[in-house]
Amino acid sequence: MATRTYTVQGMTCQHCVMSVTEEVGEVPGVESVDVDLASGRLSVTAPRIDDAAVASAVSEAGYALAAPGDLGLRPS
């Protein structure tokens, strides 16, 4: 199982957190999703993490991942 942490841009409330959690949770293979509003961090756990699918799900929720050089992708 792998866990990867991303930074989500644009979240301002608990509804944002719920939207991101729901959309990312629907990505095939995702086992768990944890979103922290204060830090903007999104942690995804899955056997194999598809960064593009996670980014697409975040976009579907109405937000964006920070660019990799801008704290967007952080392997953990």
PDB file of N, CA and C in Angstrom:
ATOM      1  N   MET A   1       0.846  -1.169   0.000  1.00  0.00           N
ATOM      2  CA  MET A   1       0.000   0.000   0.000  1.00  0.00           C
ATOM      3  C   MET A   1       0.895   1.237   0.000  1.00  0.00           C
ATOM      4  N   ALA A   2       0.533   2.209  -0.806  1.00  0.00           N
ATOM      5  CA  ALA A   2       1.298   3.458  -0.887  1.00  0.00           C
ATOM      6  C   ALA A   2       0.420   4.619  -0.434  1.00  0.00           C
ATOM      7  N   THR A   3       1.067   5.616   0.145  1.00  0.00           N
ATOM      8  CA  THR A   3       0.368   6.848   0.515  1.00  0.00           C
ATOM      9  C   THR A   3       1.118   8.006  -0.114  1.00  0.00           C
ATOM     10  N   ARG A   4       0.375   8.910  -0.726  1.00  0.00           N
ATOM     11  CA  ARG A   4       0.981  10.083  -1.327  1.00  0.00           C
ATOM     12  C   ARG A   4       0.224  11.301  -0.823  1.00  0.00           C
ATOM     13  N   THR A   5       0.961  12.385  -0.577  1.00  0.00           N
ATOM     14  CA  THR A   5       0.361  13.615  -0.082  1.00  0.00           C
ATOM     15  C   THR A   5       0.493  14.705  -1.140  1.00  0.00           C
ATOM     16  N   TYR A   6      -0.601  15.419  -1.341  1.00  0.00           N
ATOM     17  CA  TYR A   6      -0.677  16.507  -2.315  1.00  0.00           C
ATOM     18  C   TYR A   6      -1.103  17.785  -1.592  1.00  0.00           C
ATOM     19  N   THR A   7      -0.911  18.919  -2.240  1.00  0.00           N
ATOM     20  CA  THR A   7      -1.440  20.178  -1.741  1.00  0.00           C
ATOM     21  C   THR A   7      -2.538  20.630  -2.694  1.00  0.00           C
ATOM     22  N   VAL A   8      -3.717  20.875  -2.141  1.00  0.00           N
ATOM     23  CA  VAL A   8      -4.865  21.307  -2.926  1.00  0.00           C
ATOM     24  C   VAL A   8      -5.011  22.813  -2.779  1.00  0.00           C
ATOM     25  N   GLN A   9      -5.190  23.495  -3.897  1.00  0.00           N
ATOM     26  CA  GLN A   9      -5.359  24.945  -3.888  1.00  0.00           C
ATOM     27  C   GLN A   9      -6.840  25.302  -3.978  1.00  0.00           C
ATOM     28  N   GLY A  10      -7.242  26.289  -3.202  1.00  0.00           N
ATOM     29  CA  GLY A  10      -8.580  26.842  -3.321  1.00  0.00           C
ATOM     30  C   GLY A  10      -9.603  26.386  -2.311  1.00  0.00           C
ATOM     31  N   MET A  11      -9.268  25.457  -1.434  1.00  0.00           N
ATOM     32  CA  MET A  11     -10.242  25.001  -0.437  1.00  0.00           C
ATOM     33  C   MET A  11     -10.365  26.049   0.668  1.00  0.00           C
ATOM     34  N   THR A  12     -11.632  26.375   1.032  1.00  0.00           N
ATOM     35  CA  THR A  12     -11.851  27.398   2.048  1.00  0.00           C
ATOM     36  C   THR A  12     -12.799  26.979   3.159  1.00  0.00           C
ATOM     37  N   CYS A  13     -13.468  25.816   3.001  1.00  0.00           N
ATOM     38  CA  CYS A  13     -14.466  25.440   4.000  1.00  0.00           C
ATOM     39  C   CYS A  13     -14.612  23.917   4.084  1.00  0.00           C
ATOM     40  N   GLN A  14     -15.429  23.479   5.011  1.00  0.00           N
ATOM     41  CA  GLN A  14     -15.639  22.043   5.201  1.00  0.00           C
ATOM     42  C   GLN A  14     -16.334  21.422   3.999  1.00  0.00           C
ATOM     43  N   HIS A  15     -17.166  22.190   3.313  1.00  0.00           N
ATOM     44  CA  HIS A  15     -17.811  21.671   2.093  1.00  0.00           C
ATOM     45  C   HIS A  15     -16.746  21.348   1.041  1.00  0.00           C
ATOM     46  N   CYS A  16     -15.715  22.176   0.943  1.00  0.00           N
ATOM     47  CA  CYS A  16     -14.598  21.914   0.023  1.00  0.00           C
ATOM     48  C   CYS A  16     -13.958  20.569   0.359  1.00  0.00           C
ATOM     49  N   VAL A  17     -13.715  20.351   1.628  1.00  0.00           N
ATOM     50  CA  VAL A  17     -13.102  19.108   2.102  1.00  0.00           C
ATOM     51  C   VAL A  17     -13.969  17.914   1.713  1.00  0.00           C
ATOM     52  N   MET A  18     -15.275  18.034   1.933  1.00  0.00           N
ATOM     53  CA  MET A  18     -16.182  16.925   1.601  1.00  0.00           C
ATOM     54  C   MET A  18     -16.192  16.663   0.094  1.00  0.00           C
ATOM     55  N   SER A  19     -16.176  17.704  -0.721  1.00  0.00           N
ATOM     56  CA  SER A  19     -16.190  17.544  -2.174  1.00  0.00           C
ATOM     57  C   SER A  19     -14.934  16.830  -2.666  1.00  0.00           C
ATOM     58  N   VAL A  20     -13.779  17.263  -2.174  1.00  0.00           N
ATOM     59  CA  VAL A  20     -12.519  16.638  -2.579  1.00  0.00           C
ATOM     60  C   VAL A  20     -12.472  15.187  -2.099  1.00  0.00           C
ATOM     61  N   THR A  21     -12.877  14.951  -0.860  1.00  0.00           N
ATOM     62  CA  THR A  21     -12.878  13.597  -0.301  1.00  0.00           C
ATOM     63  C   THR A  21     -13.759  12.670  -1.134  1.00  0.00           C
ATOM     64  N   GLU A  22     -14.933  13.133  -1.485  1.00  0.00           N
ATOM     65  CA  GLU A  22     -15.867  12.305  -2.258  1.00  0.00           C
ATOM     66  C   GLU A  22     -15.318  11.992  -3.650  1.00  0.00           C
ATOM     67  N   GLU A  23     -14.843  13.004  -4.361  1.00  0.00           N
ATOM     68  CA  GLU A  23     -14.355  12.785  -5.728  1.00  0.00           C
ATOM     69  C   GLU A  23     -13.112  11.895  -5.756  1.00  0.00           C
ATOM     70  N   VAL A  24     -12.152  12.155  -4.872  1.00  0.00           N
ATOM     71  CA  VAL A  24     -10.924  11.356  -4.856  1.00  0.00           C
ATOM     72  C   VAL A  24     -11.230   9.938  -4.379  1.00  0.00           C
ATOM     73  N   GLY A  25     -12.172   9.799  -3.464  1.00  0.00           N
ATOM     74  CA  GLY A  25     -12.563   8.480  -2.979  1.00  0.00           C
ATOM     75  C   GLY A  25     -13.149   7.588  -4.060  1.00  0.00           C
ATOM     76  N   GLU A  26     -13.627   8.179  -5.155  1.00  0.00           N
ATOM     77  CA  GLU A  26     -14.198   7.415  -6.257  1.00  0.00           C
ATOM     78  C   GLU A  26     -13.158   6.969  -7.280  1.00  0.00           C
ATOM     79  N   VAL A  27     -11.909   7.407  -7.128  1.00  0.00           N
ATOM     80  CA  VAL A  27     -10.852   6.972  -8.041  1.00  0.00           C
ATOM     81  C   VAL A  27     -10.616   5.473  -7.819  1.00  0.00           C
ATOM     82  N   PRO A  28     -10.618   4.679  -8.890  1.00  0.00           N
ATOM     83  CA  PRO A  28     -10.427   3.231  -8.727  1.00  0.00           C
ATOM     84  C   PRO A  28      -9.159   2.882  -7.946  1.00  0.00           C
ATOM     85  N   GLY A  29      -9.320   2.003  -6.967  1.00  0.00           N
ATOM     86  CA  GLY A  29      -8.196   1.530  -6.170  1.00  0.00           C
ATOM     87  C   GLY A  29      -7.908   2.326  -4.913  1.00  0.00           C
ATOM     88  N   VAL A  30      -8.467   3.513  -4.797  1.00  0.00           N
ATOM     89  CA  VAL A  30      -8.193   4.340  -3.612  1.00  0.00           C
ATOM     90  C   VAL A  30      -8.828   3.693  -2.389  1.00  0.00           C
ATOM     91  N   GLU A  31      -8.002   3.466  -1.377  1.00  0.00           N
ATOM     92  CA  GLU A  31      -8.447   2.837  -0.134  1.00  0.00           C
ATOM     93  C   GLU A  31      -8.890   3.867   0.899  1.00  0.00           C
ATOM     94  N   SER A  32      -8.147   4.987   0.984  1.00  0.00           N
ATOM     95  CA  SER A  32      -8.523   6.017   1.953  1.00  0.00           C
ATOM     96  C   SER A  32      -8.084   7.394   1.467  1.00  0.00           C
ATOM     97  N   VAL A  33      -8.828   8.387   1.938  1.00  0.00           N
ATOM     98  CA  VAL A  33      -8.584   9.783   1.582  1.00  0.00           C
ATOM     99  C   VAL A  33      -8.651  10.587   2.870  1.00  0.00           C
ATOM    100  N   ASP A  34      -7.674  11.449   3.091  1.00  0.00           N
ATOM    101  CA  ASP A  34      -7.681  12.334   4.256  1.00  0.00           C
ATOM    102  C   ASP A  34      -7.371  13.744   3.759  1.00  0.00           C
ATOM    103  N   VAL A  35      -8.257  14.685   4.055  1.00  0.00           N
ATOM    104  CA  VAL A  35      -8.079  16.064   3.621  1.00  0.00           C
ATOM    105  C   VAL A  35      -8.009  16.955   4.853  1.00  0.00           C
ATOM    106  N   ASP A  36      -6.978  17.795   4.927  1.00  0.00           N
ATOM    107  CA  ASP A  36      -6.815  18.734   6.030  1.00  0.00           C
ATOM    108  C   ASP A  36      -7.007  20.147   5.490  1.00  0.00           C
ATOM    109  N   LEU A  37      -8.079  20.800   5.897  1.00  0.00           N
ATOM    110  CA  LEU A  37      -8.405  22.135   5.397  1.00  0.00           C
ATOM    111  C   LEU A  37      -7.342  23.163   5.772  1.00  0.00           C
ATOM    112  N   ALA A  38      -6.876  23.126   7.005  1.00  0.00           N
ATOM    113  CA  ALA A  38      -5.927  24.136   7.478  1.00  0.00           C
ATOM    114  C   ALA A  38      -4.639  24.166   6.660  1.00  0.00           C
ATOM    115  N   SER A  39      -4.125  22.998   6.309  1.00  0.00           N
ATOM    116  CA  SER A  39      -2.865  22.938   5.564  1.00  0.00           C
ATOM    117  C   SER A  39      -3.079  22.788   4.054  1.00  0.00           C
ATOM    118  N   GLY A  40      -4.305  22.431   3.655  1.00  0.00           N
ATOM    119  CA  GLY A  40      -4.581  22.179   2.247  1.00  0.00           C
ATOM    120  C   GLY A  40      -4.051  20.840   1.773  1.00  0.00           C
ATOM    121  N   ARG A  41      -3.687  19.983   2.706  1.00  0.00           N
ATOM    122  CA  ARG A  41      -3.085  18.696   2.353  1.00  0.00           C
ATOM    123  C   ARG A  41      -4.139  17.634   2.071  1.00  0.00           C
ATOM    124  N   LEU A  42      -3.853  16.835   1.070  1.00  0.00           N
ATOM    125  CA  LEU A  42      -4.674  15.693   0.676  1.00  0.00           C
ATOM    126  C   LEU A  42      -3.778  14.469   0.705  1.00  0.00           C
ATOM    127  N   SER A  43      -4.128  13.473   1.509  1.00  0.00           N
ATOM    128  CA  SER A  43      -3.379  12.223   1.558  1.00  0.00           C
ATOM    129  C   SER A  43      -4.236  11.120   0.973  1.00  0.00           C
ATOM    130  N   VAL A  44      -3.645  10.370   0.044  1.00  0.00           N
ATOM    131  CA  VAL A  44      -4.345   9.299  -0.653  1.00  0.00           C
ATOM    132  C   VAL A  44      -3.576   7.999  -0.421  1.00  0.00           C
ATOM    133  N   THR A  45      -4.297   6.948  -0.051  1.00  0.00           N
ATOM    134  CA  THR A  45      -3.694   5.631   0.137  1.00  0.00           C
ATOM    135  C   THR A  45      -4.346   4.659  -0.832  1.00  0.00           C
ATOM    136  N   ALA A  46      -3.504   3.931  -1.567  1.00  0.00           N
ATOM    137  CA  ALA A  46      -3.973   2.948  -2.546  1.00  0.00           C
ATOM    138  C   ALA A  46      -2.824   1.993  -2.855  1.00  0.00           C
ATOM    139  N   PRO A  47      -3.136   0.823  -3.409  1.00  0.00           N
ATOM    140  CA  PRO A  47      -2.065  -0.089  -3.801  1.00  0.00           C
ATOM    141  C   PRO A  47      -1.157   0.540  -4.861  1.00  0.00           C
ATOM    142  N   ARG A  48      -1.764   1.264  -5.777  1.00  0.00           N
ATOM    143  CA  ARG A  48      -1.025   1.960  -6.832  1.00  0.00           C
ATOM    144  C   ARG A  48      -1.713   3.299  -7.038  1.00  0.00           C
ATOM    145  N   ILE A  49      -0.989   4.400  -6.885  1.00  0.00           N
ATOM    146  CA  ILE A  49      -1.594   5.727  -6.972  1.00  0.00           C
ATOM    147  C   ILE A  49      -1.353   6.314  -8.355  1.00  0.00           C
ATOM    148  N   ASP A  50      -2.440   6.711  -8.991  1.00  0.00           N
ATOM    149  CA  ASP A  50      -2.402   7.339 -10.308  1.00  0.00           C
ATOM    150  C   ASP A  50      -2.534   8.847 -10.100  1.00  0.00           C
ATOM    151  N   ASP A  51      -1.398   9.573 -10.178  1.00  0.00           N
ATOM    152  CA  ASP A  51      -1.405  11.014  -9.939  1.00  0.00           C
ATOM    153  C   ASP A  51      -2.369  11.751 -10.863  1.00  0.00           C
ATOM    154  N   ALA A  52      -2.429  11.336 -12.119  1.00  0.00           N
ATOM    155  CA  ALA A  52      -3.314  12.003 -13.076  1.00  0.00           C
ATOM    156  C   ALA A  52      -4.779  11.819 -12.695  1.00  0.00           C
ATOM    157  N   ALA A  53      -5.134  10.633 -12.225  1.00  0.00           N
ATOM    158  CA  ALA A  53      -6.513  10.372 -11.810  1.00  0.00           C
ATOM    159  C   ALA A  53      -6.868  11.177 -10.562  1.00  0.00           C
ATOM    160  N   VAL A  54      -5.917  11.309  -9.642  1.00  0.00           N
ATOM    161  CA  VAL A  54      -6.147  12.112  -8.439  1.00  0.00           C
ATOM    162  C   VAL A  54      -6.326  13.576  -8.834  1.00  0.00           C
ATOM    163  N   ALA A  55      -5.466  14.082  -9.706  1.00  0.00           N
ATOM    164  CA  ALA A  55      -5.570  15.474 -10.164  1.00  0.00           C
ATOM    165  C   ALA A  55      -6.899  15.717 -10.865  1.00  0.00           C
ATOM    166  N   SER A  56      -7.332  14.766 -11.669  1.00  0.00           N
ATOM    167  CA  SER A  56      -8.609  14.887 -12.371  1.00  0.00           C
ATOM    168  C   SER A  56      -9.774  14.912 -11.389  1.00  0.00           C
ATOM    169  N   ALA A  57      -9.721  14.069 -10.368  1.00  0.00           N
ATOM    170  CA  ALA A  57     -10.785  14.030  -9.359  1.00  0.00           C
ATOM    171  C   ALA A  57     -10.834  15.338  -8.576  1.00  0.00           C
ATOM    172  N   VAL A  58      -9.681  15.878  -8.232  1.00  0.00           N
ATOM    173  CA  VAL A  58      -9.629  17.162  -7.522  1.00  0.00           C
ATOM    174  C   VAL A  58     -10.219  18.260  -8.410  1.00  0.00           C
ATOM    175  N   SER A  59      -9.901  18.214  -9.682  1.00  0.00           N
ATOM    176  CA  SER A  59     -10.446  19.179 -10.645  1.00  0.00           C
ATOM    177  C   SER A  59     -11.964  19.048 -10.747  1.00  0.00           C
ATOM    178  N   GLU A  60     -12.461  17.813 -10.762  1.00  0.00           N
ATOM    179  CA  GLU A  60     -13.912  17.573 -10.805  1.00  0.00           C
ATOM    180  C   GLU A  60     -14.596  18.203  -9.593  1.00  0.00           C
ATOM    181  N   ALA A  61     -13.906  18.216  -8.464  1.00  0.00           N
ATOM    182  CA  ALA A  61     -14.458  18.805  -7.246  1.00  0.00           C
ATOM    183  C   ALA A  61     -14.406  20.332  -7.287  1.00  0.00           C
ATOM    184  N   GLY A  62     -13.676  20.884  -8.275  1.00  0.00           N
ATOM    185  CA  GLY A  62     -13.614  22.335  -8.423  1.00  0.00           C
ATOM    186  C   GLY A  62     -12.345  22.975  -7.893  1.00  0.00           C
ATOM    187  N   TYR A  63     -11.314  22.171  -7.665  1.00  0.00           N
ATOM    188  CA  TYR A  63     -10.065  22.675  -7.093  1.00  0.00           C
ATOM    189  C   TYR A  63      -8.892  22.219  -7.949  1.00  0.00           C
ATOM    190  N   ALA A  64      -7.693  22.563  -7.546  1.00  0.00           N
ATOM    191  CA  ALA A  64      -6.512  22.177  -8.312  1.00  0.00           C
ATOM    192  C   ALA A  64      -5.401  21.749  -7.369  1.00  0.00           C
ATOM    193  N   LEU A  65      -4.554  20.845  -7.856  1.00  0.00           N
ATOM    194  CA  LEU A  65      -3.355  20.490  -7.097  1.00  0.00           C
ATOM    195  C   LEU A  65      -2.290  21.525  -7.388  1.00  0.00           C
ATOM    196  N   ALA A  66      -1.488  21.832  -6.387  1.00  0.00           N
ATOM    197  CA  ALA A  66      -0.348  22.712  -6.590  1.00  0.00           C
ATOM    198  C   ALA A  66       0.640  22.000  -7.500  1.00  0.00           C
ATOM    199  N   ALA A  67       1.408  22.749  -8.253  1.00  0.00           N
ATOM    200  CA  ALA A  67       2.417  22.160  -9.147  1.00  0.00           C
ATOM    201  C   ALA A  67       3.436  21.394  -8.320  1.00  0.00           C
ATOM    202  N   PRO A  68       4.065  20.333  -8.887  1.00  0.00           N
ATOM    203  CA  PRO A  68       5.021  19.523  -8.128  1.00  0.00           C
ATOM    204  C   PRO A  68       6.104  20.344  -7.439  1.00  0.00           C
ATOM    205  N   GLY A  69       6.616  21.367  -8.076  1.00  0.00           N
ATOM    206  CA  GLY A  69       7.649  22.199  -7.453  1.00  0.00           C
ATOM    207  C   GLY A  69       7.091  23.159  -6.431  1.00  0.00           C
ATOM    208  N   ASP A  70       5.758  23.194  -6.321  1.00  0.00           N
ATOM    209  CA  ASP A  70       5.070  24.114  -5.426  1.00  0.00           C
ATOM    210  C   ASP A  70       4.335  23.336  -4.339  1.00  0.00           C
ATOM    211  N   LEU A  71       4.966  22.276  -3.820  1.00  0.00           N
ATOM    212  CA  LEU A  71       4.406  21.428  -2.768  1.00  0.00           C
ATOM    213  C   LEU A  71       3.218  20.596  -3.236  1.00  0.00           C
ATOM    214  N   GLY A  72       3.051  20.416  -4.541  1.00  0.00           N
ATOM    215  CA  GLY A  72       1.913  19.686  -5.054  1.00  0.00           C
ATOM    216  C   GLY A  72       1.994  18.199  -4.833  1.00  0.00           C
ATOM    217  N   LEU A  73       3.123  17.575  -5.124  1.00  0.00           N
ATOM    218  CA  LEU A  73       3.257  16.130  -4.992  1.00  0.00           C
ATOM    219  C   LEU A  73       4.330  15.817  -3.981  1.00  0.00           C
ATOM    220  N   ARG A  74       3.969  15.059  -2.970  1.00  0.00           N
ATOM    221  CA  ARG A  74       4.929  14.698  -1.929  1.00  0.00           C
ATOM    222  C   ARG A  74       4.806  13.229  -1.601  1.00  0.00           C
ATOM    223  N   PRO A  75       5.747  12.417  -2.071  1.00  0.00           N
ATOM    224  CA  PRO A  75       5.679  11.007  -1.673  1.00  0.00           C
ATOM    225  C   PRO A  75       5.922  10.877  -0.178  1.00  0.00           C
ATOM    226  N   SER A  76       5.236   9.938   0.449  1.00  0.00           N
ATOM    227  CA  SER A  76       5.457   9.750   1.881  1.00  0.00           C
ATOM    228  C   SER A  76       5.628   8.297   2.208  1.00  0.00           C
TER     229      SER A  76
END
